[in-house]
């Protein structure tokens, strides 16, 4: 799971109030980023909140068609290498 839920006490107007937060590690900087779960009163609401958030690690799918897209274009490195090896 990318996001982690926890409860943290805060002092608001002299009273201690417990709020739900979530944190995640930024994939580029490696820092932990902490944010509040807006409108969450219970743990189940906090888990529902983070399940609606987008994924942090979005990597495009690599398929054979994307790899071989420019492989057989005249003048490409692949065809030049094949010609040097005596293949057509």
PDB file of N, CA and C in Angstrom:
ATOM      1  N   UNK A   1       0.850  -1.175   0.000  1.00  0.00           N
ATOM      2  CA  UNK A   1       0.000   0.000   0.000  1.00  0.00           C
ATOM      3  C   UNK A   1       0.897   1.241   0.000  1.00  0.00           C
ATOM      4  N   UNK A   2       0.554   2.214  -0.800  1.00  0.00           N
ATOM      5  CA  UNK A   2       1.353   3.426  -0.917  1.00  0.00           C
ATOM      6  C   UNK A   2       1.146   4.378   0.259  1.00  0.00           C
ATOM      7  N   UNK A   3      -0.075   4.434   0.771  1.00  0.00           N
ATOM      8  CA  UNK A   3      -0.434   5.369   1.831  1.00  0.00           C
ATOM      9  C   UNK A   3      -0.572   4.626   3.165  1.00  0.00           C
ATOM     10  N   UNK A   4      -0.219   5.305   4.262  1.00  0.00           N
ATOM     11  CA  UNK A   4      -0.315   4.728   5.598  1.00  0.00           C
ATOM     12  C   UNK A   4      -1.127   5.675   6.466  1.00  0.00           C
ATOM     13  N   UNK A   5      -2.095   5.121   7.216  1.00  0.00           N
ATOM     14  CA  UNK A   5      -3.014   5.915   8.035  1.00  0.00           C
ATOM     15  C   UNK A   5      -2.556   5.872   9.488  1.00  0.00           C
ATOM     16  N   UNK A   6      -2.687   7.017  10.173  1.00  0.00           N
ATOM     17  CA  UNK A   6      -2.397   7.066  11.598  1.00  0.00           C
ATOM     18  C   UNK A   6      -3.194   8.191  12.236  1.00  0.00           C
ATOM     19  N   UNK A   7      -3.348   8.111  13.549  1.00  0.00           N
ATOM     20  CA  UNK A   7      -4.101   9.119  14.293  1.00  0.00           C
ATOM     21  C   UNK A   7      -3.123   9.937  15.120  1.00  0.00           C
ATOM     22  N   UNK A   8      -3.331  11.259  15.127  1.00  0.00           N
ATOM     23  CA  UNK A   8      -2.398  12.155  15.796  1.00  0.00           C
ATOM     24  C   UNK A   8      -3.176  13.166  16.632  1.00  0.00           C
ATOM     25  N   UNK A   9      -2.772  13.395  17.888  1.00  0.00           N
ATOM     26  CA  UNK A   9      -3.466  14.394  18.707  1.00  0.00           C
ATOM     27  C   UNK A   9      -3.046  15.812  18.332  1.00  0.00           C
ATOM     28  N   UNK A  10      -4.010  16.714  18.301  1.00  0.00           N
ATOM     29  CA  UNK A  10      -3.766  18.134  18.022  1.00  0.00           C
ATOM     30  C   UNK A  10      -4.452  18.952  19.105  1.00  0.00           C
ATOM     31  N   UNK A  11      -3.904  20.085  19.455  1.00  0.00           N
ATOM     32  CA  UNK A  11      -4.519  20.982  20.420  1.00  0.00           C
ATOM     33  C   UNK A  11      -5.211  22.096  19.665  1.00  0.00           C
ATOM     34  N   UNK A  12      -6.539  22.128  19.773  1.00  0.00           N
ATOM     35  CA  UNK A  12      -7.343  23.145  19.103  1.00  0.00           C
ATOM     36  C   UNK A  12      -8.183  23.853  20.159  1.00  0.00           C
ATOM     37  N   UNK A  13      -7.967  25.164  20.328  1.00  0.00           N
ATOM     38  CA  UNK A  13      -8.684  25.994  21.298  1.00  0.00           C
ATOM     39  C   UNK A  13      -8.596  25.421  22.712  1.00  0.00           C
ATOM     40  N   UNK A  14      -7.415  24.937  23.077  1.00  0.00           N
ATOM     41  CA  UNK A  14      -7.189  24.435  24.426  1.00  0.00           C
ATOM     42  C   UNK A  14      -7.639  23.002  24.658  1.00  0.00           C
ATOM     43  N   UNK A  15      -8.227  22.351  23.656  1.00  0.00           N
ATOM     44  CA  UNK A  15      -8.685  20.972  23.800  1.00  0.00           C
ATOM     45  C   UNK A  15      -7.844  20.059  22.913  1.00  0.00           C
ATOM     46  N   UNK A  16      -7.676  18.839  23.361  1.00  0.00           N
ATOM     47  CA  UNK A  16      -6.948  17.860  22.568  1.00  0.00           C
ATOM     48  C   UNK A  16      -7.928  17.128  21.665  1.00  0.00           C
ATOM     49  N   UNK A  17      -7.681  17.222  20.369  1.00  0.00           N
ATOM     50  CA  UNK A  17      -8.532  16.591  19.362  1.00  0.00           C
ATOM     51  C   UNK A  17      -7.671  15.614  18.579  1.00  0.00           C
ATOM     52  N   UNK A  18      -8.171  14.406  18.375  1.00  0.00           N
ATOM     53  CA  UNK A  18      -7.447  13.406  17.589  1.00  0.00           C
ATOM     54  C   UNK A  18      -7.956  13.455  16.154  1.00  0.00           C
ATOM     55  N   UNK A  19      -7.018  13.590  15.219  1.00  0.00           N
ATOM     56  CA  UNK A  19      -7.368  13.642  13.800  1.00  0.00           C
ATOM     57  C   UNK A  19      -6.650  12.530  13.063  1.00  0.00           C
ATOM     58  N   UNK A  20      -7.233  12.106  11.953  1.00  0.00           N
ATOM     59  CA  UNK A  20      -6.645  11.051  11.136  1.00  0.00           C
ATOM     60  C   UNK A  20      -5.789  11.671  10.052  1.00  0.00           C
ATOM     61  N   UNK A  21      -4.604  11.142   9.901  1.00  0.00           N
ATOM     62  CA  UNK A  21      -3.648  11.592   8.901  1.00  0.00           C
ATOM     63  C   UNK A  21      -3.205  10.409   8.061  1.00  0.00           C
ATOM     64  N   UNK A  22      -2.592  10.725   6.939  1.00  0.00           N
ATOM     65  CA  UNK A  22      -1.936   9.693   6.147  1.00  0.00           C
ATOM     66  C   UNK A  22      -0.592  10.230   5.697  1.00  0.00           C
ATOM     67  N   UNK A  23       0.336   9.304   5.447  1.00  0.00           N
ATOM     68  CA  UNK A  23       1.638   9.710   4.930  1.00  0.00           C
ATOM     69  C   UNK A  23       2.043   8.773   3.815  1.00  0.00           C
ATOM     70  N   UNK A  24       2.925   9.279   2.975  1.00  0.00           N
ATOM     71  CA  UNK A  24       3.500   8.490   1.893  1.00  0.00           C
ATOM     72  C   UNK A  24       4.907   8.995   1.635  1.00  0.00           C
ATOM     73  N   UNK A  25       5.709   8.164   1.009  1.00  0.00           N
ATOM     74  CA  UNK A  25       7.079   8.538   0.677  1.00  0.00           C
ATOM     75  C   UNK A  25       7.122   8.991  -0.774  1.00  0.00           C
ATOM     76  N   UNK A  26       7.621  10.200  -0.988  1.00  0.00           N
ATOM     77  CA  UNK A  26       7.725  10.745  -2.333  1.00  0.00           C
ATOM     78  C   UNK A  26       8.770   9.947  -3.110  1.00  0.00           C
ATOM     79  N   UNK A  27       8.394   9.376  -4.273  1.00  0.00           N
ATOM     80  CA  UNK A  27       9.348   8.525  -4.991  1.00  0.00           C
ATOM     81  C   UNK A  27      10.545   9.280  -5.570  1.00  0.00           C
ATOM     82  N   UNK A  28      10.430  10.573  -5.795  1.00  0.00           N
ATOM     83  CA  UNK A  28      11.515  11.334  -6.407  1.00  0.00           C
ATOM     84  C   UNK A  28      12.505  11.859  -5.369  1.00  0.00           C
ATOM     85  N   UNK A  29      11.990  12.426  -4.276  1.00  0.00           N
ATOM     86  CA  UNK A  29      12.877  13.010  -3.271  1.00  0.00           C
ATOM     87  C   UNK A  29      13.166  12.065  -2.117  1.00  0.00           C
ATOM     88  N   UNK A  30      12.324  11.069  -1.892  1.00  0.00           N
ATOM     89  CA  UNK A  30      12.513  10.131  -0.791  1.00  0.00           C
ATOM     90  C   UNK A  30      12.022  10.664   0.545  1.00  0.00           C
ATOM     91  N   UNK A  31      11.355  11.819   0.563  1.00  0.00           N
ATOM     92  CA  UNK A  31      10.862  12.409   1.803  1.00  0.00           C
ATOM     93  C   UNK A  31       9.477  11.855   2.129  1.00  0.00           C
ATOM     94  N   UNK A  32       9.180  11.768   3.430  1.00  0.00           N
ATOM     95  CA  UNK A  32       7.846  11.366   3.863  1.00  0.00           C
ATOM     96  C   UNK A  32       6.965  12.608   3.901  1.00  0.00           C
ATOM     97  N   UNK A  33       5.828  12.533   3.241  1.00  0.00           N
ATOM     98  CA  UNK A  33       4.892  13.650   3.183  1.00  0.00           C
ATOM     99  C   UNK A  33       3.659  13.256   3.973  1.00  0.00           C
ATOM    100  N   UNK A  34       3.230  14.144   4.858  1.00  0.00           N
ATOM    101  CA  UNK A  34       2.147  13.872   5.780  1.00  0.00           C
ATOM    102  C   UNK A  34       0.997  14.828   5.482  1.00  0.00           C
ATOM    103  N   UNK A  35      -0.214  14.286   5.351  1.00  0.00           N
ATOM    104  CA  UNK A  35      -1.390  15.110   5.071  1.00  0.00           C
ATOM    105  C   UNK A  35      -2.560  14.624   5.900  1.00  0.00           C
ATOM    106  N   UNK A  36      -3.543  15.511   6.090  1.00  0.00           N
ATOM    107  CA  UNK A  36      -4.712  15.175   6.887  1.00  0.00           C
ATOM    108  C   UNK A  36      -5.775  14.516   5.997  1.00  0.00           C
ATOM    109  N   UNK A  37      -6.493  13.553   6.570  1.00  0.00           N
ATOM    110  CA  UNK A  37      -7.640  12.949   5.890  1.00  0.00           C
ATOM    111  C   UNK A  37      -8.828  13.864   6.165  1.00  0.00           C
ATOM    112  N   UNK A  38      -9.260  14.581   5.180  1.00  0.00           N
ATOM    113  CA  UNK A  38     -10.292  15.591   5.379  1.00  0.00           C
ATOM    114  C   UNK A  38     -11.649  14.946   5.649  1.00  0.00           C
ATOM    115  N   UNK A  39     -12.254  15.352   6.760  1.00  0.00           N
ATOM    116  CA  UNK A  39     -13.596  14.894   7.100  1.00  0.00           C
ATOM    117  C   UNK A  39     -13.665  13.484   7.643  1.00  0.00           C
ATOM    118  N   UNK A  40     -12.560  12.899   8.057  1.00  0.00           N
ATOM    119  CA  UNK A  40     -12.557  11.528   8.564  1.00  0.00           C
ATOM    120  C   UNK A  40     -12.663  11.536  10.083  1.00  0.00           C
ATOM    121  N   UNK A  41     -13.638  10.826  10.598  1.00  0.00           N
ATOM    122  CA  UNK A  41     -13.839  10.723  12.048  1.00  0.00           C
ATOM    123  C   UNK A  41     -13.410   9.361  12.580  1.00  0.00           C
ATOM    124  N   UNK A  42     -13.462   8.330  11.740  1.00  0.00           N
ATOM    125  CA  UNK A  42     -13.123   6.977  12.175  1.00  0.00           C
ATOM    126  C   UNK A  42     -12.016   6.416  11.294  1.00  0.00           C
ATOM    127  N   UNK A  43     -11.479   5.292  11.735  1.00  0.00           N
ATOM    128  CA  UNK A  43     -10.409   4.648  10.984  1.00  0.00           C
ATOM    129  C   UNK A  43     -10.919   4.101   9.658  1.00  0.00           C
ATOM    130  N   UNK A  44     -12.136   3.586   9.642  1.00  0.00           N
ATOM    131  CA  UNK A  44     -12.685   3.053   8.389  1.00  0.00           C
ATOM    132  C   UNK A  44     -12.910   4.165   7.369  1.00  0.00           C
ATOM    133  N   UNK A  45     -13.294   5.352   7.821  1.00  0.00           N
ATOM    134  CA  UNK A  45     -13.438   6.491   6.910  1.00  0.00           C
ATOM    135  C   UNK A  45     -12.074   6.912   6.363  1.00  0.00           C
ATOM    136  N   UNK A  46     -11.040   6.835   7.198  1.00  0.00           N
ATOM    137  CA  UNK A  46      -9.696   7.198   6.747  1.00  0.00           C
ATOM    138  C   UNK A  46      -9.195   6.213   5.693  1.00  0.00           C
ATOM    139  N   UNK A  47      -9.450   4.908   5.888  1.00  0.00           N
ATOM    140  CA  UNK A  47      -9.047   3.923   4.888  1.00  0.00           C
ATOM    141  C   UNK A  47      -9.847   4.075   3.603  1.00  0.00           C
ATOM    142  N   UNK A  48     -11.112   4.455   3.712  1.00  0.00           N
ATOM    143  CA  UNK A  48     -11.912   4.710   2.510  1.00  0.00           C
ATOM    144  C   UNK A  48     -11.384   5.938   1.776  1.00  0.00           C
ATOM    145  N   UNK A  49     -10.925   6.932   2.531  1.00  0.00           N
ATOM    146  CA  UNK A  49     -10.387   8.155   1.938  1.00  0.00           C
ATOM    147  C   UNK A  49      -9.117   7.862   1.140  1.00  0.00           C
ATOM    148  N   UNK A  50      -8.185   7.081   1.719  1.00  0.00           N
ATOM    149  CA  UNK A  50      -6.935   6.822   1.010  1.00  0.00           C
ATOM    150  C   UNK A  50      -7.113   5.828  -0.131  1.00  0.00           C
ATOM    151  N   UNK A  51      -8.153   5.004  -0.056  1.00  0.00           N
ATOM    152  CA  UNK A  51      -8.375   4.079  -1.166  1.00  0.00           C
ATOM    153  C   UNK A  51      -8.858   4.810  -2.416  1.00  0.00           C
ATOM    154  N   UNK A  52      -9.428   6.012  -2.235  1.00  0.00           N
ATOM    155  CA  UNK A  52      -9.886   6.810  -3.375  1.00  0.00           C
ATOM    156  C   UNK A  52      -8.770   7.658  -3.977  1.00  0.00           C
ATOM    157  N   UNK A  53      -7.620   7.747  -3.312  1.00  0.00           N
ATOM    158  CA  UNK A  53      -6.499   8.549  -3.816  1.00  0.00           C
ATOM    159  C   UNK A  53      -5.805   7.826  -4.962  1.00  0.00           C
ATOM    160  N   UNK A  54      -5.209   8.570  -5.896  1.00  0.00           N
ATOM    161  CA  UNK A  54      -4.497   7.921  -7.004  1.00  0.00           C
ATOM    162  C   UNK A  54      -3.194   7.281  -6.523  1.00  0.00           C
ATOM    163  N   UNK A  55      -2.723   6.333  -7.279  1.00  0.00           N
ATOM    164  CA  UNK A  55      -1.480   5.644  -6.930  1.00  0.00           C
ATOM    165  C   UNK A  55      -0.291   6.578  -7.109  1.00  0.00           C
ATOM    166  N   UNK A  56       0.682   6.437  -6.235  1.00  0.00           N
ATOM    167  CA  UNK A  56       1.875   7.280  -6.295  1.00  0.00           C
ATOM    168  C   UNK A  56       2.803   6.804  -7.401  1.00  0.00           C
ATOM    169  N   UNK A  57       2.975   5.511  -7.492  1.00  0.00           N
ATOM    170  CA  UNK A  57       3.915   4.928  -8.437  1.00  0.00           C
ATOM    171  C   UNK A  57       3.185   4.550  -9.714  1.00  0.00           C
ATOM    172  N   UNK A  58       3.207   5.442 -10.668  1.00  0.00           N
ATOM    173  CA  UNK A  58       2.571   5.150 -11.950  1.00  0.00           C
ATOM    174  C   UNK A  58       3.660   4.932 -12.982  1.00  0.00           C
ATOM    175  N   UNK A  59       3.822   3.695 -13.368  1.00  0.00           N
ATOM    176  CA  UNK A  59       4.807   3.358 -14.377  1.00  0.00           C
ATOM    177  C   UNK A  59       4.071   2.861 -15.609  1.00  0.00           C
ATOM    178  N   UNK A  60       4.451   3.346 -16.779  1.00  0.00           N
ATOM    179  CA  UNK A  60       3.774   2.886 -17.995  1.00  0.00           C
ATOM    180  C   UNK A  60       4.088   1.424 -18.267  1.00  0.00           C
ATOM    181  N   UNK A  61       3.134   0.741 -18.878  1.00  0.00           N
ATOM    182  CA  UNK A  61       3.353  -0.656 -19.230  1.00  0.00           C
ATOM    183  C   UNK A  61       4.291  -0.735 -20.422  1.00  0.00           C
ATOM    184  N   UNK A  62       5.243  -1.641 -20.337  1.00  0.00           N
ATOM    185  CA  UNK A  62       6.178  -1.851 -21.428  1.00  0.00           C
ATOM    186  C   UNK A  62       5.756  -3.116 -22.157  1.00  0.00           C
ATOM    187  N   UNK A  63       5.436  -2.959 -23.437  1.00  0.00           N
ATOM    188  CA  UNK A  63       5.022  -4.094 -24.244  1.00  0.00           C
ATOM    189  C   UNK A  63       6.009  -4.286 -25.390  1.00  0.00           C
ATOM    190  N   UNK A  64       5.911  -5.431 -26.038  1.00  0.00           N
ATOM    191  CA  UNK A  64       6.803  -5.724 -27.161  1.00  0.00           C
ATOM    192  C   UNK A  64       6.565  -4.748 -28.303  1.00  0.00           C
ATOM    193  N   UNK A  65       5.318  -4.358 -28.501  1.00  0.00           N
ATOM    194  CA  UNK A  65       5.026  -3.429 -29.596  1.00  0.00           C
ATOM    195  C   UNK A  65       5.658  -2.059 -29.370  1.00  0.00           C
ATOM    196  N   UNK A  66       5.750  -1.611 -28.130  1.00  0.00           N
ATOM    197  CA  UNK A  66       6.401  -0.320 -27.881  1.00  0.00           C
ATOM    198  C   UNK A  66       7.915  -0.428 -28.033  1.00  0.00           C
ATOM    199  N   UNK A  67       8.484  -1.579 -27.690  1.00  0.00           N
ATOM    200  CA  UNK A  67       9.929  -1.761 -27.844  1.00  0.00           C
ATOM    201  C   UNK A  67      10.303  -1.858 -29.326  1.00  0.00           C
ATOM    202  N   UNK A  68       9.516  -2.616 -30.097  1.00  0.00           N
ATOM    203  CA  UNK A  68       9.842  -2.878 -31.502  1.00  0.00           C
ATOM    204  C   UNK A  68       9.216  -1.865 -32.456  1.00  0.00           C
ATOM    205  N   UNK A  69       8.704  -0.771 -31.923  1.00  0.00           N
ATOM    206  CA  UNK A  69       8.011   0.213 -32.755  1.00  0.00           C
ATOM    207  C   UNK A  69       8.923   0.793 -33.842  1.00  0.00           C
ATOM    208  N   UNK A  70      10.139   1.158 -33.499  1.00  0.00           N
ATOM    209  CA  UNK A  70      11.061   1.778 -34.450  1.00  0.00           C
ATOM    210  C   UNK A  70      12.190   0.823 -34.855  1.00  0.00           C
ATOM    211  N   UNK A  71      11.971  -0.463 -34.715  1.00  0.00           N
ATOM    212  CA  UNK A  71      13.032  -1.427 -34.939  1.00  0.00           C
ATOM    213  C   UNK A  71      13.317  -1.671 -36.421  1.00  0.00           C
ATOM    214  N   UNK A  72      12.313  -1.727 -37.243  1.00  0.00           N
ATOM    215  CA  UNK A  72      12.498  -2.096 -38.653  1.00  0.00           C
ATOM    216  C   UNK A  72      12.276  -0.915 -39.603  1.00  0.00           C
ATOM    217  N   UNK A  73      12.632   0.269 -39.195  1.00  0.00           N
ATOM    218  CA  UNK A  73      12.569   1.448 -40.055  1.00  0.00           C
ATOM    219  C   UNK A  73      13.893   1.533 -40.802  1.00  0.00           C
ATOM    220  N   UNK A  74      13.857   1.804 -42.114  1.00  0.00           N
ATOM    221  CA  UNK A  74      15.118   1.898 -42.874  1.00  0.00           C
ATOM    222  C   UNK A  74      16.056   2.939 -42.266  1.00  0.00           C
ATOM    223  N   UNK A  75      17.311   2.537 -42.090  1.00  0.00           N
ATOM    224  CA  UNK A  75      18.315   3.430 -41.514  1.00  0.00           C
ATOM    225  C   UNK A  75      18.405   3.341 -39.997  1.00  0.00           C
ATOM    226  N   UNK A  76      17.622   2.468 -39.379  1.00  0.00           N
ATOM    227  CA  UNK A  76      17.677   2.360 -37.924  1.00  0.00           C
ATOM    228  C   UNK A  76      18.904   1.556 -37.502  1.00  0.00           C
ATOM    229  N   UNK A  77      19.271   1.665 -36.233  1.00  0.00           N
ATOM    230  CA  UNK A  77      20.444   0.956 -35.720  1.00  0.00           C
ATOM    231  C   UNK A  77      20.288  -0.550 -35.849  1.00  0.00           C
ATOM    232  N   UNK A  78      19.085  -1.032 -35.637  1.00  0.00           N
ATOM    233  CA  UNK A  78      18.838  -2.478 -35.690  1.00  0.00           C
ATOM    234  C   UNK A  78      19.071  -3.022 -37.103  1.00  0.00           C
ATOM    235  N   UNK A  79      18.555  -2.334 -38.115  1.00  0.00           N
ATOM    236  CA  UNK A  79      18.741  -2.807 -39.490  1.00  0.00           C
ATOM    237  C   UNK A  79      20.188  -2.661 -39.935  1.00  0.00           C
ATOM    238  N   UNK A  80      20.872  -1.602 -39.518  1.00  0.00           N
ATOM    239  CA  UNK A  80      22.293  -1.442 -39.854  1.00  0.00           C
ATOM    240  C   UNK A  80      23.122  -2.582 -39.257  1.00  0.00           C
ATOM    241  N   UNK A  81      22.821  -2.963 -38.036  1.00  0.00           N
ATOM    242  CA  UNK A  81      23.536  -4.052 -37.395  1.00  0.00           C
ATOM    243  C   UNK A  81      23.259  -5.378 -38.113  1.00  0.00           C
ATOM    244  N   UNK A  82      22.006  -5.589 -38.540  1.00  0.00           N
ATOM    245  CA  UNK A  82      21.666  -6.821 -39.259  1.00  0.00           C
ATOM    246  C   UNK A  82      22.376  -6.890 -40.613  1.00  0.00           C
ATOM    247  N   UNK A  83      22.504  -5.749 -41.292  1.00  0.00           N
ATOM    248  CA  UNK A  83      23.201  -5.723 -42.582  1.00  0.00           C
ATOM    249  C   UNK A  83      24.685  -6.033 -42.398  1.00  0.00           C
ATOM    250  N   UNK A  84      25.291  -5.550 -41.328  1.00  0.00           N
ATOM    251  CA  UNK A  84      26.695  -5.832 -41.073  1.00  0.00           C
ATOM    252  C   UNK A  84      26.923  -7.316 -40.790  1.00  0.00           C
ATOM    253  N   UNK A  85      25.908  -7.961 -40.244  1.00  0.00           N
ATOM    254  CA  UNK A  85      26.009  -9.393 -39.945  1.00  0.00           C
ATOM    255  C   UNK A  85      25.685 -10.251 -41.167  1.00  0.00           C
ATOM    256  N   UNK A  86      25.324  -9.627 -42.294  1.00  0.00           N
ATOM    257  CA  UNK A  86      25.043 -10.356 -43.520  1.00  0.00           C
ATOM    258  C   UNK A  86      23.609 -10.808 -43.668  1.00  0.00           C
ATOM    259  N   UNK A  87      22.705 -10.245 -42.874  1.00  0.00           N
ATOM    260  CA  UNK A  87      21.296 -10.618 -42.965  1.00  0.00           C
ATOM    261  C   UNK A  87      20.539  -9.505 -43.666  1.00  0.00           C
ATOM    262  N   UNK A  88      19.420  -9.894 -44.257  1.00  0.00           N
ATOM    263  CA  UNK A  88      18.628  -8.866 -44.931  1.00  0.00           C
ATOM    264  C   UNK A  88      17.252  -8.761 -44.288  1.00  0.00           C
TER     265      UNK A  88
END
